[in-house]
Amino acid sequence: MKKSVIYFILILAVIGGLVAYIISRNKAEEGKTTDTTQVQEGEKPEKVKEDKQVKEKEEVKKPDTGDYSSFSSNKQEVGTFVEDDKFTLKSITDSSKGGYHEFVFNLEGPSEPKVVARYDANANVIKVELFNIEKDNSGIPYQGERSINKDGILRLYRNVSGSQEKSFYDIGLSQSTVFKLDSTSGSEDDTWKVLLYVKYPGEKEIEGNLGSSEFSKDDQSITGVGADKGASINSYAYSTAGGVLKFTFDVSASGDNPIPTVNAKYDGTEKVVLTFDSLKIDRAVKACEGISLPLGMALNTGRNGEKSVYTFYVKDGAEFKLSASLSPNQVILEIK
């Protein structure tokens, strides 16, 4: 009897020890798991915070810290003029490179082409002159343009050339800037890349209207500046495309607005009269007197004091559009 009691007590002790051991082991494992979970949960906010900081850094626009010590606003040129070497302008590409815009003139010819770039303060453009161009395949027509509108670089404009073997392009700017002209051989034989890097000048708002966007027979006007601001007509050019005569005046003035005040209206049924009420200088008025224009039109001019009048003889029922553009600074009359 005593032995069975002793065995029973021993069995209970063993069972009790096992139970205590199991309970203590489970508690230890639970404590370990909790600690691990707390570490992971504690690390998550730090990682989210770091990711947020990285994202914020990516969203902040970095200031331009480029080195423009080799850029300038002075006249620059590349290549050598060789009279018998003729070139084809195959294309013009442009792209943004951070703090500046890159223009690439792709040419084909036997030697490095001569190209000149200079800043014209009156027109607020960089003028690019390409020599000995036998064929221009840029895809931009005379008096046509490619819109850029990037941080103060407005457009690439193809100017009318007084020479059959030159191509002229204007890069319109909101304000003065610096640039760099360079040249390199292309990937194929007899190909060349003329590179023009233009530092972004930044945008600048100009007050005043830029005329009409639609053709009509109604009176049209542009409110600009007058002789007191040095408003002037410096030159003119015209071209036709698609049955439309485009007559362009290159203009200038001091101050923020370079466009002179001008209006256009019908006088009778076959005359469109363009009037500049106040010009300090008009270098086109005498040169345009009595000239014949394409599409069966003609032009007479007159100047009295500060007023210049241009009378376009058109077909009955013709419509017109008076507008202006900046950089190059122009007043444009289109008639169809």
Protein backbone atom coordinates (compact mmCIF):
# COMPACT_ATOMS: atom_id res chain seq x y z
CA MET A 1 0.00 0.00 0.00
CA LYS A 2 2.77 2.34 0.92
CA LYS A 3 4.67 1.50 -2.28
CA SER A 4 1.67 2.30 -4.49
CA VAL A 5 1.24 5.64 -2.76
CA ILE A 6 4.88 6.44 -3.30
CA TYR A 7 4.64 5.47 -7.01
CA PHE A 8 1.54 7.61 -7.35
CA ILE A 9 3.27 10.62 -5.81
CA LEU A 10 6.28 10.11 -8.10
CA ILE A 11 4.05 9.94 -11.20
CA LEU A 12 2.28 13.15 -10.17
CA ALA A 13 5.64 14.85 -9.68
CA VAL A 14 6.84 13.77 -13.11
CA ILE A 15 3.58 14.88 -14.74
CA GLY A 16 3.70 18.20 -12.88
CA GLY A 17 7.30 18.76 -14.01
CA LEU A 18 6.42 18.08 -17.63
CA VAL A 19 3.46 20.47 -17.50
CA ALA A 20 5.59 23.20 -15.94
CA TYR A 21 8.28 22.69 -18.57
CA ILE A 22 5.79 22.91 -21.47
CA ILE A 23 4.14 26.04 -20.06
CA SER A 24 7.46 27.82 -19.51
CA ARG A 25 8.69 26.90 -23.02
CA ASN A 26 5.51 28.28 -24.68
CA LYS A 27 5.82 31.53 -22.76
CA ALA A 28 9.42 31.90 -23.88
CA GLU A 29 8.46 31.30 -27.51
CA GLU A 30 5.58 33.79 -27.26
CA GLY A 31 7.93 36.40 -25.80
CA LYS A 32 10.44 35.79 -28.60
CA THR A 33 7.76 36.08 -31.30
CA THR A 34 6.44 39.29 -29.80
CA ASP A 35 9.89 40.83 -29.74
CA THR A 36 10.47 39.90 -33.39
CA THR A 37 7.13 41.39 -34.41
CA GLN A 38 7.89 44.60 -32.55
CA VAL A 39 11.21 44.96 -34.35
CA GLN A 40 9.56 44.48 -37.75
CA GLU A 41 6.78 46.91 -36.94
CA GLY A 42 9.31 49.39 -35.62
CA GLU A 43 11.32 49.21 -38.88
CA LYS A 44 8.34 49.76 -41.19
CA PRO A 45 7.71 53.45 -40.42
CA GLU A 46 11.42 54.21 -40.91
CA LYS A 47 11.38 52.58 -44.36
CA VAL A 48 8.19 54.41 -45.35
CA LYS A 49 9.76 57.63 -44.15
CA GLU A 50 12.91 56.98 -46.19
CA ASP A 51 10.84 56.17 -49.31
CA LYS A 52 8.86 59.38 -48.85
CA GLN A 53 12.05 61.43 -48.54
CA VAL A 54 13.43 59.87 -51.75
CA LYS A 55 10.18 60.64 -53.58
CA GLU A 56 10.19 64.23 -52.34
CA LYS A 57 13.78 64.63 -53.55
CA GLU A 58 12.79 63.32 -57.00
CA GLU A 59 9.85 65.73 -57.23
CA VAL A 60 11.92 68.82 -56.38
CA LYS A 61 13.23 70.42 -59.60
CA LYS A 62 16.97 70.82 -59.31
CA PRO A 63 18.33 74.29 -60.08
CA ASP A 64 20.46 74.63 -63.22
CA THR A 65 24.07 74.27 -62.15
CA GLY A 66 25.56 73.74 -65.63
CA ASP A 67 28.85 75.30 -66.67
CA TYR A 68 28.19 77.89 -69.38
CA SER A 69 31.62 79.51 -69.33
CA SER A 70 32.13 78.48 -72.97
CA PHE A 71 28.79 80.06 -74.00
CA SER A 72 28.50 83.70 -75.07
CA SER A 73 26.22 86.15 -76.90
CA ASN A 74 28.97 87.07 -79.37
CA LYS A 75 29.00 86.16 -83.05
CA GLN A 76 30.29 82.61 -83.58
CA GLU A 77 31.13 80.58 -86.67
CA VAL A 78 32.31 77.13 -87.67
CA GLY A 79 33.62 75.64 -90.92
CA THR A 80 35.30 77.24 -93.91
CA PHE A 81 33.71 78.76 -96.98
CA VAL A 82 34.71 76.86 -100.12
CA GLU A 83 32.97 78.35 -103.14
CA ASP A 84 32.53 75.15 -105.13
CA ASP A 85 31.45 72.94 -102.21
CA LYS A 86 27.67 72.62 -102.14
CA PHE A 87 25.57 71.20 -99.31
CA THR A 88 22.19 69.68 -98.61
CA LEU A 89 20.49 70.50 -95.33
CA LYS A 90 18.97 67.11 -94.63
CA SER A 91 17.11 67.90 -91.41
CA ILE A 92 17.01 69.97 -88.23
CA THR A 93 16.38 68.30 -84.90
CA ASP A 94 16.00 69.89 -81.49
CA SER A 95 15.82 68.58 -77.95
CA SER A 96 15.97 69.72 -74.33
CA LYS A 97 19.21 69.00 -72.49
CA GLY A 98 18.40 70.29 -69.02
CA GLY A 99 19.58 73.89 -68.73
CA TYR A 100 19.89 74.42 -72.47
CA HIS A 101 18.24 73.50 -75.78
CA GLU A 102 20.16 71.69 -78.50
CA PHE A 103 19.59 72.35 -82.22
CA VAL A 104 21.27 69.97 -84.68
CA PHE A 105 21.60 70.97 -88.35
CA ASN A 106 22.34 67.79 -90.30
CA LEU A 107 24.16 68.50 -93.54
CA GLU A 108 25.69 66.54 -96.38
CA GLY A 109 28.63 67.84 -98.42
CA PRO A 110 32.32 67.44 -99.29
CA SER A 111 33.82 69.63 -96.52
CA GLU A 112 32.95 71.13 -93.15
CA PRO A 113 30.17 73.65 -93.91
CA LYS A 114 30.44 77.28 -92.90
CA VAL A 115 27.75 78.37 -90.46
CA VAL A 116 27.44 81.65 -88.55
CA ALA A 117 25.31 82.31 -85.47
CA ARG A 118 24.77 85.75 -83.92
CA TYR A 119 22.37 87.37 -81.50
CA ASP A 120 20.12 90.12 -82.89
CA ALA A 121 18.97 92.31 -80.00
CA ASN A 122 16.41 94.22 -82.10
CA ALA A 123 14.55 91.07 -83.11
CA ASN A 124 15.45 89.14 -79.94
CA VAL A 125 16.57 86.12 -81.94
CA ILE A 126 19.69 84.09 -82.60
CA LYS A 127 20.22 84.24 -86.35
CA VAL A 128 21.75 81.18 -87.99
CA GLU A 129 23.21 81.54 -91.48
CA LEU A 130 24.17 78.42 -93.45
CA PHE A 131 26.36 78.94 -96.54
CA ASN A 132 26.37 77.14 -99.92
CA ILE A 133 23.06 75.35 -99.32
CA GLU A 134 22.03 73.84 -102.63
CA LYS A 135 18.98 72.07 -101.20
CA ASP A 136 17.09 72.68 -97.95
CA ASN A 137 15.10 69.66 -96.77
CA SER A 138 14.35 70.88 -93.25
CA GLY A 139 10.61 70.63 -93.86
CA ILE A 140 10.06 74.21 -92.63
CA PRO A 141 8.75 76.47 -95.43
CA TYR A 142 9.85 80.07 -95.96
CA GLN A 143 8.28 82.23 -93.22
CA GLY A 144 7.25 79.02 -91.49
CA GLU A 145 8.17 77.91 -87.99
CA ARG A 146 8.53 75.04 -85.56
CA SER A 147 7.12 75.82 -82.13
CA ILE A 148 9.48 75.20 -79.19
CA ASN A 149 7.92 77.09 -76.23
CA LYS A 150 10.35 75.81 -73.62
CA ASP A 151 11.64 78.07 -70.80
CA GLY A 152 11.90 81.18 -72.97
CA ILE A 153 12.94 79.57 -76.27
CA LEU A 154 9.88 80.25 -78.41
CA ARG A 155 10.33 78.98 -81.96
CA LEU A 156 12.59 78.01 -84.84
CA TYR A 157 11.68 80.26 -87.77
CA ARG A 158 12.84 79.98 -91.38
CA ASN A 159 13.59 83.42 -92.75
CA VAL A 160 13.44 84.46 -96.38
CA SER A 161 16.89 84.37 -97.95
CA GLY A 162 18.16 87.02 -100.32
CA SER A 163 20.51 84.43 -101.77
CA GLN A 164 19.66 81.20 -103.54
CA GLU A 165 22.58 79.43 -101.83
CA LYS A 166 22.03 80.40 -98.21
CA SER A 167 19.54 79.28 -95.60
CA PHE A 168 18.56 81.57 -92.72
CA TYR A 169 16.94 80.47 -89.49
CA ASP A 170 15.92 82.50 -86.43
CA ILE A 171 15.65 81.06 -82.93
CA GLY A 172 13.13 83.19 -81.08
CA LEU A 173 13.84 84.12 -77.46
CA SER A 174 11.86 85.70 -74.64
CA GLN A 175 14.96 87.70 -73.69
CA SER A 176 18.70 87.70 -74.29
CA THR A 177 20.79 84.63 -73.48
CA VAL A 178 24.08 82.93 -74.31
CA PHE A 179 24.80 80.15 -76.78
CA LYS A 180 27.53 77.95 -78.23
CA LEU A 181 28.08 76.87 -81.85
CA ASP A 182 29.98 73.68 -82.66
CA SER A 183 30.50 71.26 -85.54
CA THR A 184 31.39 67.59 -85.92
CA SER A 185 31.51 64.97 -88.66
CA GLY A 186 28.53 62.65 -88.99
CA SER A 187 28.38 58.86 -88.79
CA GLU A 188 28.54 58.51 -92.60
CA ASP A 189 31.01 59.89 -95.14
CA ASP A 190 30.45 63.52 -96.19
CA THR A 191 27.93 64.17 -93.43
CA TRP A 192 28.16 66.88 -90.80
CA LYS A 193 26.37 67.95 -87.66
CA VAL A 194 26.31 71.63 -86.79
CA LEU A 195 25.34 71.92 -83.13
CA LEU A 196 23.85 75.01 -81.54
CA TYR A 197 23.38 74.98 -77.77
CA VAL A 198 21.12 77.74 -76.43
CA LYS A 199 20.84 78.37 -72.68
CA TYR A 200 17.23 78.72 -71.58
CA PRO A 201 16.63 82.44 -70.87
CA GLY A 202 13.45 81.90 -68.84
CA GLU A 203 9.94 82.98 -69.69
CA LYS A 204 8.87 86.61 -69.84
CA GLU A 205 5.35 87.94 -70.24
CA ILE A 206 4.62 90.60 -72.87
CA GLU A 207 1.59 92.84 -72.51
CA GLY A 208 -0.57 93.66 -75.53
CA ASN A 209 -2.54 91.67 -78.11
CA LEU A 210 -1.09 89.80 -81.06
CA GLY A 211 -3.97 90.38 -83.47
CA SER A 212 -6.41 88.03 -85.11
CA SER A 213 -6.42 84.27 -85.49
CA GLU A 214 -9.14 84.09 -88.16
CA PHE A 215 -9.56 85.39 -91.72
CA SER A 216 -12.42 87.84 -92.23
CA LYS A 217 -13.46 91.06 -93.97
CA ASP A 218 -13.90 92.89 -90.67
CA ASP A 219 -11.64 95.67 -89.35
CA GLN A 220 -8.70 94.29 -87.40
CA SER A 221 -6.11 95.96 -85.19
CA ILE A 222 -3.14 95.42 -82.90
CA THR A 223 -2.54 97.73 -79.96
CA GLY A 224 1.17 98.18 -79.51
CA VAL A 225 3.56 101.11 -79.15
CA GLY A 226 4.40 104.20 -81.20
CA ALA A 227 7.23 106.48 -82.26
CA ASP A 228 7.82 107.57 -78.66
CA LYS A 229 9.04 104.02 -78.00
CA GLY A 230 11.11 103.92 -81.17
CA ALA A 231 8.59 101.77 -83.09
CA SER A 232 10.12 100.98 -86.48
CA ILE A 233 9.76 98.82 -89.57
CA ASN A 234 13.19 97.45 -90.45
CA SER A 235 12.49 95.22 -93.45
CA TYR A 236 9.78 93.28 -95.24
CA ALA A 237 9.29 89.97 -97.04
CA TYR A 238 6.44 88.10 -98.67
CA SER A 239 5.61 84.60 -99.83
CA THR A 240 2.65 82.55 -101.02
CA ALA A 241 1.37 79.12 -100.10
CA GLY A 242 -2.02 77.50 -100.63
CA GLY A 243 -3.52 80.59 -102.27
CA VAL A 244 -2.55 82.87 -99.37
CA LEU A 245 -0.25 85.88 -99.64
CA LYS A 246 1.80 86.36 -96.46
CA PHE A 247 3.33 89.84 -96.15
CA THR A 248 5.67 90.22 -93.18
CA PHE A 249 7.17 93.33 -91.61
CA ASP A 250 10.16 92.92 -89.30
CA VAL A 251 9.60 95.47 -86.54
CA SER A 252 11.26 96.71 -83.36
CA ALA A 253 10.77 99.11 -80.45
CA SER A 254 12.33 99.84 -77.10
CA GLY A 255 10.83 98.49 -73.89
CA ASP A 256 9.01 95.22 -73.29
CA ASN A 257 6.62 95.42 -76.26
CA PRO A 258 8.36 95.53 -79.67
CA ILE A 259 5.16 95.58 -81.75
CA PRO A 260 3.86 98.90 -83.20
CA THR A 261 0.19 99.86 -83.23
CA VAL A 262 -1.40 98.94 -86.58
CA ASN A 263 -4.83 98.40 -88.11
CA ALA A 264 -6.20 96.87 -91.32
CA LYS A 265 -9.55 97.44 -92.99
CA TYR A 266 -11.34 97.39 -96.31
CA ASP A 267 -11.52 100.61 -98.34
CA GLY A 268 -14.19 99.85 -100.92
CA THR A 269 -14.34 96.31 -102.25
CA GLU A 270 -10.87 95.70 -103.69
CA LYS A 271 -8.47 97.53 -101.35
CA VAL A 272 -7.18 96.39 -97.96
CA VAL A 273 -5.51 99.32 -96.22
CA LEU A 274 -2.86 98.68 -93.56
CA THR A 275 -2.04 101.71 -91.41
CA PHE A 276 0.79 102.25 -88.93
CA ASP A 277 -0.19 105.45 -87.11
CA SER A 278 3.09 106.17 -85.33
CA LEU A 279 6.48 104.96 -86.56
CA LYS A 280 9.84 106.52 -85.83
CA ILE A 281 11.45 104.82 -88.84
CA ASP A 282 9.98 102.93 -91.82
CA ARG A 283 12.60 101.30 -94.03
CA ALA A 284 10.05 99.44 -96.18
CA VAL A 285 7.61 102.12 -97.25
CA LYS A 286 9.62 103.44 -100.21
CA ALA A 287 10.89 100.03 -101.32
CA CYS A 288 7.30 98.70 -101.51
CA GLU A 289 5.87 101.55 -103.57
CA GLY A 290 4.12 100.30 -106.71
CA ILE A 291 5.26 96.68 -106.56
CA SER A 292 3.36 93.78 -108.11
CA LEU A 293 2.57 90.87 -105.80
CA PRO A 294 1.74 87.21 -106.45
CA LEU A 295 -1.86 86.01 -106.87
CA GLY A 296 -2.71 89.06 -108.98
CA MET A 297 -2.28 91.59 -106.16
CA ALA A 298 -0.42 94.91 -106.09
CA LEU A 299 0.79 97.35 -103.42
CA ASN A 300 1.03 101.12 -103.10
CA THR A 301 2.47 102.93 -100.11
CA GLY A 302 2.63 106.39 -98.59
CA ARG A 303 4.14 108.10 -95.57
CA ASN A 304 3.07 111.35 -93.94
CA GLY A 305 4.88 112.40 -90.78
CA GLU A 306 4.94 109.37 -88.49
CA LYS A 307 2.12 107.59 -90.33
CA SER A 308 2.75 104.87 -92.93
CA VAL A 309 -0.04 103.52 -95.15
CA TYR A 310 0.15 100.32 -97.21
CA THR A 311 -2.69 99.79 -99.71
CA PHE A 312 -3.08 96.24 -101.02
CA TYR A 313 -5.11 95.84 -104.23
CA VAL A 314 -6.95 92.53 -103.94
CA LYS A 315 -9.70 90.60 -105.66
CA ASP A 316 -13.27 91.35 -104.71
CA GLY A 317 -14.32 89.22 -101.74
CA ALA A 318 -10.82 88.55 -100.44
CA GLU A 319 -10.42 87.95 -96.72
CA PHE A 320 -7.46 88.96 -94.58
CA LYS A 321 -5.87 88.31 -91.21
CA LEU A 322 -3.68 90.75 -89.25
CA SER A 323 -1.43 89.26 -86.58
CA ALA A 324 1.93 89.69 -84.86
CA SER A 325 4.63 87.40 -83.52
CA LEU A 326 7.48 87.80 -81.08
CA SER A 327 11.10 86.77 -81.57
CA PRO A 328 11.33 87.39 -84.44
CA ASN A 329 9.23 90.53 -83.92
CA GLN A 330 6.85 90.77 -86.85
CA VAL A 331 3.60 92.25 -88.07
CA ILE A 332 1.97 89.89 -90.55
CA LEU A 333 -0.84 90.56 -93.03
CA GLU A 334 -2.24 87.49 -94.79
CA ILE A 335 -4.70 87.78 -97.67
CA LYS A 336 -6.62 85.02 -99.43
